[in-house]
Each structure stands twice: as structure tokens, then as C-alpha cells.
């Protein structure tokens, strides 16, 4: 079976993230439902790099975006709670995926946005687990909480020092709570990314709209 045939089978067999089958919260001011109708990213050659991409790579890409300027690998690692070598390896994979410019080490905003919307729900799906204390994420985070109402416990990144009790969500990388605590814009984007990982079509559409706004703003 060719690569393209394999992805056609994937599209037709799955069609949407498994999380679409989960109960969804009520939406305030909802807009046009999200639809996964842009499969260019999935079918082009860059999909081969998504398979080898790690959650920490996405966190690194988002930190490069929010910082707005090139950082040394030591600085980048310190800001994210990872080692300099991990930061270097993540940037290398991002360059291979054409999400980061190899010379200036700057994020390609348009390509990253497309990957967040069209790739993340499939490459990094998530689900809520046991109740725990933690940091609010997805529709429980401040960036979007006023637009989504849920009668269930809020989704949270596990953190023993967290102020909110909710349903645990495995973050893209274990140090996400640390990184988000020190960069509000990064927190907002990571929470919206979790909506893409967890939510159904209507929640994802809201997150897409918010991400588009945030990624058009100049870095802090």
C-alpha cells in the first residue's frame, strides 16, 4: 500500500478524532461548526514528520512564537523546564517539518497555525481521566471559559499545588504547567490547543477562532 493510499484509508476509517464521541459541554455564542475539510497538510510530504514529532516539539514551537526572538537553546530550555539538548532536538525536528525557519529560528506562523488546526487533533489526541488538583486547561482556562459552559468538573493539567480540582488531562509535555505559569500567552495558546485535542467540532471551532486572533498579535 502506498503512503497516499494509507492516508486515504485513515481519513475514511476515522474521519474525526475519537474525542468527538465524548459528551460535549454547552456552547455560548457558538459560530459555524468546525469541519476537518483542509486535508492538504495531511496529504503533503510534511505528514511524514508529524509521525516523529513529539509533544515537547509543539510546546517549543509555541514558545518560540510567544517569545518573538531567537533564544539560545539553554534559554529556551530554562523557560520550558527542559534541557538545552532537548530544546535543540525539538528545534531540529521543527525545522525538518518546515514549521521553523532554519536560519533565524523563527516560527512560520501560517504553517504552525495550519498544523494546530488540522494536525494536532489527530497527532496529539487527549481525553479526560481521574479527578485531581491542577491548572485549568481547555474550556476551563481563562482565555475561553466565558464561551463554554459545562456541568462537569473542569479539565486540568495535574499539579499537586493546583488551586482547582477537576478531570486530569495529560499535557503535551510534563513541564507544561511550569512553562505556562511563566508565560500567560503561552498558557492561553496551550489551553486552546487542548480544546483542539479534547473538544468536539463546535468547541474546536471556537478555539480555532481564538487561536487565529492570538497568532496574529505581535509577540510579547
C-alpha atoms as a PDB file:
ATOM      1  CA  UNK A   1       0.000   0.000   0.000  1.00  0.00           C
ATOM      2  CA  UNK A   2       1.360   3.420  -0.943  1.00  0.00           C
ATOM      3  CA  UNK A   3       1.678   6.274   1.551  1.00  0.00           C
ATOM      4  CA  UNK A   4      -1.157   8.209  -0.100  1.00  0.00           C
ATOM      5  CA  UNK A   5      -3.400   5.130  -0.065  1.00  0.00           C
ATOM      6  CA  UNK A   6      -2.675   4.652   3.598  1.00  0.00           C
ATOM      7  CA  UNK A   7      -3.766   8.173   4.454  1.00  0.00           C
ATOM      8  CA  UNK A   8      -6.941   7.890   2.388  1.00  0.00           C
ATOM      9  CA  UNK A   9      -7.801   4.796   4.375  1.00  0.00           C
ATOM     10  CA  UNK A  10      -7.033   6.682   7.586  1.00  0.00           C
ATOM     11  CA  UNK A  11      -9.290   9.569   6.537  1.00  0.00           C
ATOM     12  CA  UNK A  12     -12.220   7.372   5.612  1.00  0.00           C
ATOM     13  CA  UNK A  13     -11.884   4.997   8.529  1.00  0.00           C
ATOM     14  CA  UNK A  14     -11.551   7.592  11.265  1.00  0.00           C
ATOM     15  CA  UNK A  15     -12.793  10.865   9.800  1.00  0.00           C
ATOM     16  CA  UNK A  16     -12.591  12.664  13.119  1.00  0.00           C
ATOM     17  CA  UNK A  17     -10.818  12.378  16.485  1.00  0.00           C
ATOM     18  CA  UNK A  18     -12.072   9.711  18.864  1.00  0.00           C
ATOM     19  CA  UNK A  19     -12.805  12.500  21.356  1.00  0.00           C
ATOM     20  CA  UNK A  20     -15.719  13.509  19.093  1.00  0.00           C
ATOM     21  CA  UNK A  21     -17.611  10.614  20.648  1.00  0.00           C
ATOM     22  CA  UNK A  22     -17.372  12.070  24.162  1.00  0.00           C
ATOM     23  CA  UNK A  23     -20.124  14.231  25.748  1.00  0.00           C
ATOM     24  CA  UNK A  24     -19.705  17.896  24.966  1.00  0.00           C
ATOM     25  CA  UNK A  25     -20.421  20.962  27.073  1.00  0.00           C
ATOM     26  CA  UNK A  26     -22.937  23.665  26.144  1.00  0.00           C
ATOM     27  CA  UNK A  27     -21.643  26.472  23.922  1.00  0.00           C
ATOM     28  CA  UNK A  28     -22.210  30.196  24.356  1.00  0.00           C
ATOM     29  CA  UNK A  29     -22.127  32.354  21.235  1.00  0.00           C
ATOM     30  CA  UNK A  30     -21.173  29.395  19.063  1.00  0.00           C
ATOM     31  CA  UNK A  31     -20.320  30.006  15.433  1.00  0.00           C
ATOM     32  CA  UNK A  32     -20.209  27.851  12.312  1.00  0.00           C
ATOM     33  CA  UNK A  33     -19.329  24.252  13.311  1.00  0.00           C
ATOM     34  CA  UNK A  34     -15.723  23.202  12.768  1.00  0.00           C
ATOM     35  CA  UNK A  35     -15.094  20.846   9.889  1.00  0.00           C
ATOM     36  CA  UNK A  36     -11.904  18.973   9.066  1.00  0.00           C
ATOM     37  CA  UNK A  37     -12.078  19.942   5.410  1.00  0.00           C
ATOM     38  CA  UNK A  38      -8.496  21.018   4.727  1.00  0.00           C
ATOM     39  CA  UNK A  39      -6.554  17.816   4.206  1.00  0.00           C
ATOM     40  CA  UNK A  40      -3.677  19.391   2.275  1.00  0.00           C
ATOM     41  CA  UNK A  41      -1.432  19.222   5.330  1.00  0.00           C
ATOM     42  CA  UNK A  42      -2.257  15.565   5.898  1.00  0.00           C
ATOM     43  CA  UNK A  43      -1.594  14.611   2.279  1.00  0.00           C
ATOM     44  CA  UNK A  44       1.576  16.571   1.613  1.00  0.00           C
ATOM     45  CA  UNK A  45       5.082  15.312   2.357  1.00  0.00           C
ATOM     46  CA  UNK A  46       5.262  17.061   5.734  1.00  0.00           C
ATOM     47  CA  UNK A  47       2.951  14.459   7.286  1.00  0.00           C
ATOM     48  CA  UNK A  48       5.971  12.159   7.461  1.00  0.00           C
ATOM     49  CA  UNK A  49       7.446  14.469  10.075  1.00  0.00           C
ATOM     50  CA  UNK A  50       4.289  14.561  12.183  1.00  0.00           C
ATOM     51  CA  UNK A  51       4.752  10.869  12.901  1.00  0.00           C
ATOM     52  CA  UNK A  52       8.131  11.571  14.512  1.00  0.00           C
ATOM     53  CA  UNK A  53       7.089  14.817  16.195  1.00  0.00           C
ATOM     54  CA  UNK A  54       6.839  14.846  19.973  1.00  0.00           C
ATOM     55  CA  UNK A  55       4.580  16.844  22.232  1.00  0.00           C
ATOM     56  CA  UNK A  56       7.531  18.820  23.518  1.00  0.00           C
ATOM     57  CA  UNK A  57       8.269  19.927  19.932  1.00  0.00           C
ATOM     58  CA  UNK A  58       4.904  21.645  19.753  1.00  0.00           C
ATOM     59  CA  UNK A  59       5.498  23.337  23.116  1.00  0.00           C
ATOM     60  CA  UNK A  60       8.888  24.550  21.883  1.00  0.00           C
ATOM     61  CA  UNK A  61       7.327  25.905  18.678  1.00  0.00           C
ATOM     62  CA  UNK A  62       4.713  27.818  20.649  1.00  0.00           C
ATOM     63  CA  UNK A  63       7.351  29.230  22.996  1.00  0.00           C
ATOM     64  CA  UNK A  64       9.416  30.389  20.034  1.00  0.00           C
ATOM     65  CA  UNK A  65       6.283  32.095  18.749  1.00  0.00           C
ATOM     66  CA  UNK A  66       5.387  33.852  22.016  1.00  0.00           C
ATOM     67  CA  UNK A  67       8.963  34.968  22.689  1.00  0.00           C
ATOM     68  CA  UNK A  68       9.226  36.549  19.247  1.00  0.00           C
ATOM     69  CA  UNK A  69      13.017  36.453  19.149  1.00  0.00           C
ATOM     70  CA  UNK A  70      15.651  33.791  18.766  1.00  0.00           C
ATOM     71  CA  UNK A  71      16.825  32.306  22.052  1.00  0.00           C
ATOM     72  CA  UNK A  72      19.810  30.157  22.856  1.00  0.00           C
ATOM     73  CA  UNK A  73      18.947  26.521  23.475  1.00  0.00           C
ATOM     74  CA  UNK A  74      19.897  26.998  27.120  1.00  0.00           C
ATOM     75  CA  UNK A  75      17.495  29.953  27.459  1.00  0.00           C
ATOM     76  CA  UNK A  76      14.740  28.106  25.638  1.00  0.00           C
ATOM     77  CA  UNK A  77      15.200  25.027  27.796  1.00  0.00           C
ATOM     78  CA  UNK A  78      15.212  27.040  31.012  1.00  0.00           C
ATOM     79  CA  UNK A  79      11.966  28.794  30.066  1.00  0.00           C
ATOM     80  CA  UNK A  80      10.257  25.466  29.360  1.00  0.00           C
ATOM     81  CA  UNK A  81      11.757  23.317  32.095  1.00  0.00           C
ATOM     82  CA  UNK A  82      13.664  21.088  29.673  1.00  0.00           C
ATOM     83  CA  UNK A  83      17.346  20.587  28.954  1.00  0.00           C
ATOM     84  CA  UNK A  84      19.267  22.507  26.291  1.00  0.00           C
ATOM     85  CA  UNK A  85      19.790  19.261  24.385  1.00  0.00           C
ATOM     86  CA  UNK A  86      16.037  18.556  24.386  1.00  0.00           C
ATOM     87  CA  UNK A  87      15.388  22.081  23.123  1.00  0.00           C
ATOM     88  CA  UNK A  88      17.970  21.624  20.359  1.00  0.00           C
ATOM     89  CA  UNK A  89      16.478  18.297  19.262  1.00  0.00           C
ATOM     90  CA  UNK A  90      12.963  19.775  19.232  1.00  0.00           C
ATOM     91  CA  UNK A  91      14.026  22.737  17.080  1.00  0.00           C
ATOM     92  CA  UNK A  92      15.767  20.369  14.676  1.00  0.00           C
ATOM     93  CA  UNK A  93      12.566  18.348  14.229  1.00  0.00           C
ATOM     94  CA  UNK A  94      10.551  21.553  13.787  1.00  0.00           C
ATOM     95  CA  UNK A  95      12.948  22.690  11.066  1.00  0.00           C
ATOM     96  CA  UNK A  96      12.558  19.337   9.307  1.00  0.00           C
ATOM     97  CA  UNK A  97       8.781  19.765   9.480  1.00  0.00           C
ATOM     98  CA  UNK A  98       9.163  23.273   7.987  1.00  0.00           C
ATOM     99  CA  UNK A  99       7.492  24.855  10.990  1.00  0.00           C
ATOM    100  CA  UNK A 100      10.626  26.817  11.952  1.00  0.00           C
ATOM    101  CA  UNK A 101      12.996  28.774   9.724  1.00  0.00           C
ATOM    102  CA  UNK A 102      16.446  27.112   9.828  1.00  0.00           C
ATOM    103  CA  UNK A 103      18.396  30.379   9.749  1.00  0.00           C
ATOM    104  CA  UNK A 104      16.546  32.749  12.066  1.00  0.00           C
ATOM    105  CA  UNK A 105      14.915  30.041  14.204  1.00  0.00           C
ATOM    106  CA  UNK A 106      11.588  31.831  13.861  1.00  0.00           C
ATOM    107  CA  UNK A 107       8.236  30.086  13.624  1.00  0.00           C
ATOM    108  CA  UNK A 108       6.372  30.021  10.326  1.00  0.00           C
ATOM    109  CA  UNK A 109       3.079  31.319  11.720  1.00  0.00           C
ATOM    110  CA  UNK A 110       0.880  30.214   8.850  1.00  0.00           C
ATOM    111  CA  UNK A 111       2.270  26.681   8.763  1.00  0.00           C
ATOM    112  CA  UNK A 112       2.112  26.346  12.552  1.00  0.00           C
ATOM    113  CA  UNK A 113      -1.488  27.565  12.610  1.00  0.00           C
ATOM    114  CA  UNK A 114      -2.451  25.055   9.923  1.00  0.00           C
ATOM    115  CA  UNK A 115      -0.794  22.264  11.867  1.00  0.00           C
ATOM    116  CA  UNK A 116      -2.534  23.265  15.102  1.00  0.00           C
ATOM    117  CA  UNK A 117      -5.944  23.216  13.445  1.00  0.00           C
ATOM    118  CA  UNK A 118      -5.603  20.319  11.015  1.00  0.00           C
ATOM    119  CA  UNK A 119      -2.937  18.108  12.582  1.00  0.00           C
ATOM    120  CA  UNK A 120      -2.996  18.338  16.371  1.00  0.00           C
ATOM    121  CA  UNK A 121      -6.430  16.708  16.916  1.00  0.00           C
ATOM    122  CA  UNK A 122      -5.088  13.605  15.158  1.00  0.00           C
ATOM    123  CA  UNK A 123      -1.399  13.686  16.097  1.00  0.00           C
ATOM    124  CA  UNK A 124      -1.951  14.504  19.792  1.00  0.00           C
ATOM    125  CA  UNK A 125      -5.496  13.484  20.840  1.00  0.00           C
ATOM    126  CA  UNK A 126      -6.363  13.620  24.534  1.00  0.00           C
ATOM    127  CA  UNK A 127      -9.114  12.598  26.939  1.00  0.00           C
ATOM    128  CA  UNK A 128     -10.053  13.425  30.499  1.00  0.00           C
ATOM    129  CA  UNK A 129      -9.059  10.963  33.220  1.00  0.00           C
ATOM    130  CA  UNK A 130      -9.309  10.695  37.009  1.00  0.00           C
ATOM    131  CA  UNK A 131     -10.124  13.661  39.238  1.00  0.00           C
ATOM    132  CA  UNK A 132      -7.175  15.582  40.642  1.00  0.00           C
ATOM    133  CA  UNK A 133      -5.923  19.032  41.549  1.00  0.00           C
ATOM    134  CA  UNK A 134      -4.289  21.063  38.846  1.00  0.00           C
ATOM    135  CA  UNK A 135      -4.155  24.032  36.497  1.00  0.00           C
ATOM    136  CA  UNK A 136      -7.278  24.682  34.391  1.00  0.00           C
ATOM    137  CA  UNK A 137      -6.935  23.973  30.695  1.00  0.00           C
ATOM    138  CA  UNK A 138      -9.100  23.717  27.568  1.00  0.00           C
ATOM    139  CA  UNK A 139     -12.526  25.363  28.100  1.00  0.00           C
ATOM    140  CA  UNK A 140     -11.785  25.845  31.833  1.00  0.00           C
ATOM    141  CA  UNK A 141      -8.880  28.220  31.125  1.00  0.00           C
ATOM    142  CA  UNK A 142      -9.450  31.997  31.376  1.00  0.00           C
ATOM    143  CA  UNK A 143      -8.865  32.536  27.638  1.00  0.00           C
ATOM    144  CA  UNK A 144     -12.073  30.709  26.687  1.00  0.00           C
ATOM    145  CA  UNK A 145     -14.043  29.855  29.839  1.00  0.00           C
ATOM    146  CA  UNK A 146     -16.682  32.548  29.240  1.00  0.00           C
ATOM    147  CA  UNK A 147     -17.665  30.993  25.920  1.00  0.00           C
ATOM    148  CA  UNK A 148     -18.186  27.395  27.059  1.00  0.00           C
ATOM    149  CA  UNK A 149     -20.409  26.149  29.885  1.00  0.00           C
ATOM    150  CA  UNK A 150     -20.071  22.653  31.325  1.00  0.00           C
ATOM    151  CA  UNK A 151     -21.740  20.930  34.265  1.00  0.00           C
ATOM    152  CA  UNK A 152     -18.769  18.579  34.649  1.00  0.00           C
ATOM    153  CA  UNK A 153     -15.573  19.111  36.600  1.00  0.00           C
ATOM    154  CA  UNK A 154     -13.156  21.279  34.598  1.00  0.00           C
ATOM    155  CA  UNK A 155     -10.240  19.758  32.679  1.00  0.00           C
ATOM    156  CA  UNK A 156      -6.922  20.402  34.442  1.00  0.00           C
ATOM    157  CA  UNK A 157      -3.235  19.657  33.995  1.00  0.00           C
ATOM    158  CA  UNK A 158      -2.270  17.651  37.100  1.00  0.00           C
ATOM    159  CA  UNK A 159      -0.368  19.746  39.636  1.00  0.00           C
ATOM    160  CA  UNK A 160      -0.220  18.986  43.384  1.00  0.00           C
ATOM    161  CA  UNK A 161      -0.130  22.724  44.056  1.00  0.00           C
ATOM    162  CA  UNK A 162      -3.033  23.479  41.732  1.00  0.00           C
ATOM    163  CA  UNK A 163      -5.904  25.574  43.037  1.00  0.00           C
ATOM    164  CA  UNK A 164      -8.623  23.808  41.011  1.00  0.00           C
ATOM    165  CA  UNK A 165      -9.963  20.280  41.320  1.00  0.00           C
ATOM    166  CA  UNK A 166     -11.015  18.730  38.044  1.00  0.00           C
ATOM    167  CA  UNK A 167     -10.577  15.953  35.498  1.00  0.00           C
ATOM    168  CA  UNK A 168      -6.942  15.360  34.644  1.00  0.00           C
ATOM    169  CA  UNK A 169      -5.667  15.885  31.111  1.00  0.00           C
ATOM    170  CA  UNK A 170      -2.221  14.693  30.132  1.00  0.00           C
ATOM    171  CA  UNK A 171      -0.345  17.781  28.884  1.00  0.00           C
ATOM    172  CA  UNK A 172       1.729  17.773  25.726  1.00  0.00           C
ATOM    173  CA  UNK A 173       4.817  17.576  27.941  1.00  0.00           C
ATOM    174  CA  UNK A 174       5.242  17.172  31.730  1.00  0.00           C
ATOM    175  CA  UNK A 175       6.725  20.656  32.198  1.00  0.00           C
ATOM    176  CA  UNK A 176       3.750  22.441  30.591  1.00  0.00           C
ATOM    177  CA  UNK A 177       2.428  23.689  33.952  1.00  0.00           C
ATOM    178  CA  UNK A 178       5.798  25.266  34.744  1.00  0.00           C
ATOM    179  CA  UNK A 179       6.108  26.870  31.304  1.00  0.00           C
ATOM    180  CA  UNK A 180       2.514  28.135  31.230  1.00  0.00           C
ATOM    181  CA  UNK A 181       2.863  29.617  34.713  1.00  0.00           C
ATOM    182  CA  UNK A 182       5.649  31.886  33.484  1.00  0.00           C
ATOM    183  CA  UNK A 183       4.160  32.941  30.120  1.00  0.00           C
ATOM    184  CA  UNK A 184       0.493  33.955  30.002  1.00  0.00           C
ATOM    185  CA  UNK A 185       0.245  33.994  26.207  1.00  0.00           C
ATOM    186  CA  UNK A 186       1.806  30.537  26.047  1.00  0.00           C
ATOM    187  CA  UNK A 187      -0.753  29.393  28.646  1.00  0.00           C
ATOM    188  CA  UNK A 188      -3.613  30.769  26.568  1.00  0.00           C
ATOM    189  CA  UNK A 189      -2.409  29.056  23.397  1.00  0.00           C
ATOM    190  CA  UNK A 190      -1.701  25.723  25.093  1.00  0.00           C
ATOM    191  CA  UNK A 191      -5.173  25.767  26.662  1.00  0.00           C
ATOM    192  CA  UNK A 192      -6.744  26.409  23.261  1.00  0.00           C
ATOM    193  CA  UNK A 193      -4.650  23.612  21.790  1.00  0.00           C
ATOM    194  CA  UNK A 194      -6.149  21.321  24.433  1.00  0.00           C
ATOM    195  CA  UNK A 195      -9.611  22.286  23.195  1.00  0.00           C
ATOM    196  CA  UNK A 196      -8.495  21.002  19.783  1.00  0.00           C
ATOM    197  CA  UNK A 197      -7.203  17.809  21.438  1.00  0.00           C
ATOM    198  CA  UNK A 198     -10.271  17.228  23.628  1.00  0.00           C
ATOM    199  CA  UNK A 199     -13.273  19.014  22.192  1.00  0.00           C
ATOM    200  CA  UNK A 200     -15.896  18.245  19.634  1.00  0.00           C
ATOM    201  CA  UNK A 201     -16.429  20.191  16.428  1.00  0.00           C
ATOM    202  CA  UNK A 202     -18.155  23.239  17.911  1.00  0.00           C
ATOM    203  CA  UNK A 203     -15.624  23.674  20.735  1.00  0.00           C
ATOM    204  CA  UNK A 204     -12.762  23.282  18.259  1.00  0.00           C
ATOM    205  CA  UNK A 205     -14.265  25.993  16.057  1.00  0.00           C
ATOM    206  CA  UNK A 206     -14.261  28.420  18.980  1.00  0.00           C
ATOM    207  CA  UNK A 207     -10.647  27.518  19.766  1.00  0.00           C
ATOM    208  CA  UNK A 208      -9.701  27.964  16.111  1.00  0.00           C
ATOM    209  CA  UNK A 209     -11.154  31.475  16.089  1.00  0.00           C
ATOM    210  CA  UNK A 210      -9.315  32.417  19.281  1.00  0.00           C
ATOM    211  CA  UNK A 211      -6.034  30.946  18.051  1.00  0.00           C
ATOM    212  CA  UNK A 212      -6.290  32.872  14.810  1.00  0.00           C
ATOM    213  CA  UNK A 213      -6.606  36.101  16.796  1.00  0.00           C
ATOM    214  CA  UNK A 214      -3.739  35.280  19.158  1.00  0.00           C
ATOM    215  CA  UNK A 215      -1.392  34.230  16.399  1.00  0.00           C
ATOM    216  CA  UNK A 216      -1.945  37.480  14.531  1.00  0.00           C
ATOM    217  CA  UNK A 217      -0.908  39.513  17.582  1.00  0.00           C
ATOM    218  CA  UNK A 218       2.732  40.586  17.896  1.00  0.00           C
ATOM    219  CA  UNK A 219       4.787  38.560  20.408  1.00  0.00           C
ATOM    220  CA  UNK A 220       5.022  39.924  23.932  1.00  0.00           C
END
